[in-house]
Amino acid sequence: MAAKLSTADGIEYRYGPSAAAYGATGNEGRPTLSARPDHSFDPIAWSVGGKRGCHASQHGGFCGTWQLGGPLQAKVGDYSSSIAHAAYVADTPETSVGVASFQALAMANNTYSQKPEPSWTTYYGDNREGFDDFHALDYGTDARKAIAIGRCYRQGWCSNSLMAFQSGLIGGTGSNTAYNRASLKLPAGKVPTGIVLTHSSEFALVTIWDTVNIRGQVAVIALGGQTAACRDGNCRSDFWGEWRGFYPGLPNLGNIGYMKLLGFIDLPDEMRAPTEISASTGLDHTDYLYMHKPQDFLLDDAAVRQAFNDGEYRDRTARAGVAVVISKSERRAAVIDLGPLFRYYRAQYFAASQADFDQRQASAGEGPGQWPYRFEAQPSQMPTVAKVIAFEHKPTAVNVLAKGPGRAFVATQQGQLHIFDLGGYLDPDRKAGAEQIARLSSVMVGRNPTGITYPKMHGLASDSRRVYKDSYKREVIVTSRGDRRIDFVKFAADYNSGAVRGEATIVDADLVDPISSEDADTHGTEGYVLSVADYGGRRVSNYRYGPVIFHTNPGMACAAPAGCPVQGPYRYELGGRHPLPGGPFHINGANIP
């Protein structure tokens, strides 16, 4: 199976059974949704004398479409867009990357785009952007047969995704403005099955099938956010607030310009075939340098390092972390304590003497004893397996709560979302122990829940209580393949229990085979757009489930307080669909600079 993880057989192993297996292909009670009509940006294209940097369709180009707001104006306004990536099983796997890049939403020129489509900034009408990510094409033939994609969750931007391929290549991809392309290749015999980035792109964690030694592992990769096109590791120019130095393992804006494999965490013998992974540092977008940017801090200055060690910014970088790995076939989950890793990096960056700091920075390189150090050179940093949990039914998806009391959510195939207490493992000021990890309760969701994702911030001035009643942070979004539905699960204030908000559930007669979904974030424009990977339908479908409000564009359409509401009798509407030459199974995205 290791050689088939990127194929239809691999999808069946990882995410089966589909709705067809349950006999749930009928459409009784499911609405047939129609999208709003498309309007072109061609009238304001460069090629016809406008200011939008594209060529109109009559000149062989592509300027994008909009569906909401209007009329189209020359004034751009407070532009906002979210770019997403979808991994899919390609019809032509030998020539296709199997990762598509698309625009999930955008605000511009008094309009709102809610249809998934190639980004006008990178698609010119004659390339394969929107089907084969143009960054991934640069990696050559190793960038074929995608297995998983991952991206961080933080404030501001998580600019780049990391892609994991059947060949063992791990490579970054971004957008027109965040285009660093760091990559590495796993050792022979190590097949990736899942990938997650810690919340501010400090590290990537990749679940591995070691086909040589027949064991399960987690690869730990140090990541460095760098300015655009930085290659020497010491770029000092500004890029939308990114670090002006070489600081792998510290929180960054996700424009990943550096990667180094630190080593592998061996999973217990009863977990030889891990399938999915999720992680949390206990910090969300309000915690990571929320009112500051990395560019504001040059760690060469001892006073700056002291402020992060035990001063003003002590809590602005991670001091704890947890990853939860599941193995579907072995019906197990492993809780991994990332605390040793984060504490080690804090000590190296913030508590070291000036001489030690300078020496370490100067030692940067790819060797085991060069910064950042590999596990064999500095084993004290290695994360540890805290506990293994057995399940009666196959675990199918996992999510670790971003912020709040330490909680993990593990879905099982028969349709339960289990809530686990992680004890003190996400609280750096509390002693943690394996005995604290315990199941609290469960929530019934749809059959075969294959995706759990975080709701995101929906605009800096937004009031998400229009949609979420209490807070979007109290909910997760669950995609159930077996019942072709997407549920919003709301948790109690203590996160010890929860329930599906039935009035918010998304169903669609034309949604054939959903496997995962991704919520889109924005900055100045409030909006609620969910992108769904429809594997059997061979497309990405967008659904808008709340109003669009142009908070930072006074005098334009969709004005506060009501904005532009959802149309029709349901709480959601179809934003549009983007067909793919294959079946998508993973999506992630972010608001980008």
Foldseek 3Di string as FASTA:
>chain_A
DLLCCLDPVVCCVQFDDFQVVVVQLDQVPFDAFDAADWDAPQVQEVCNPHDQDAHHVVVQFGGDTFGDFDDFASFWFPKWWWKKKFAFNFPDQQPALRIAIWICWMGTRLTIAHATDFHSLPGTNPDCHRFHAPLLVVVPRQSTRWQEKEFAAAADAQFWIWTQHQQQKTWIQGDPQLGAIDIDGDPPQWGFQEWYAEHQNLWIWTWTQRRVVQFIKIWIKWWAADAPPDAPQQAQDDRPQFANGRQTNWGTRNSTNDIATQDIDTDDRLPNAWHYKEKELQDHHCQACNVHGNSVDDLLDLVSLQCCVPRVNVRNTGQWMWMWIFGQVSQKIWIKTQNLQNNVSNCQRRVDDSVSVVVQSVQDDHDCPHPVHHCVVPVSNDIHTQDMDGDPAGWAEKYWQHHDQTWIWTAGQQFKTWIWGQACRSPNVDDGHSVRIDTQDIEGGAGSFHEKAQAGAFAAPDDCCQPVVPDSSQWIWIQHRNNQKIWIWGADPNNSDIYTPVQQMHHHSLQRGWRYKEWEYIYQKGWTKIWTFRFVSQKIWIKTQFAIDRRSRPPRALHPDRGHGADDDGSIHTSHMRHYSHGTRDMYMYIHD
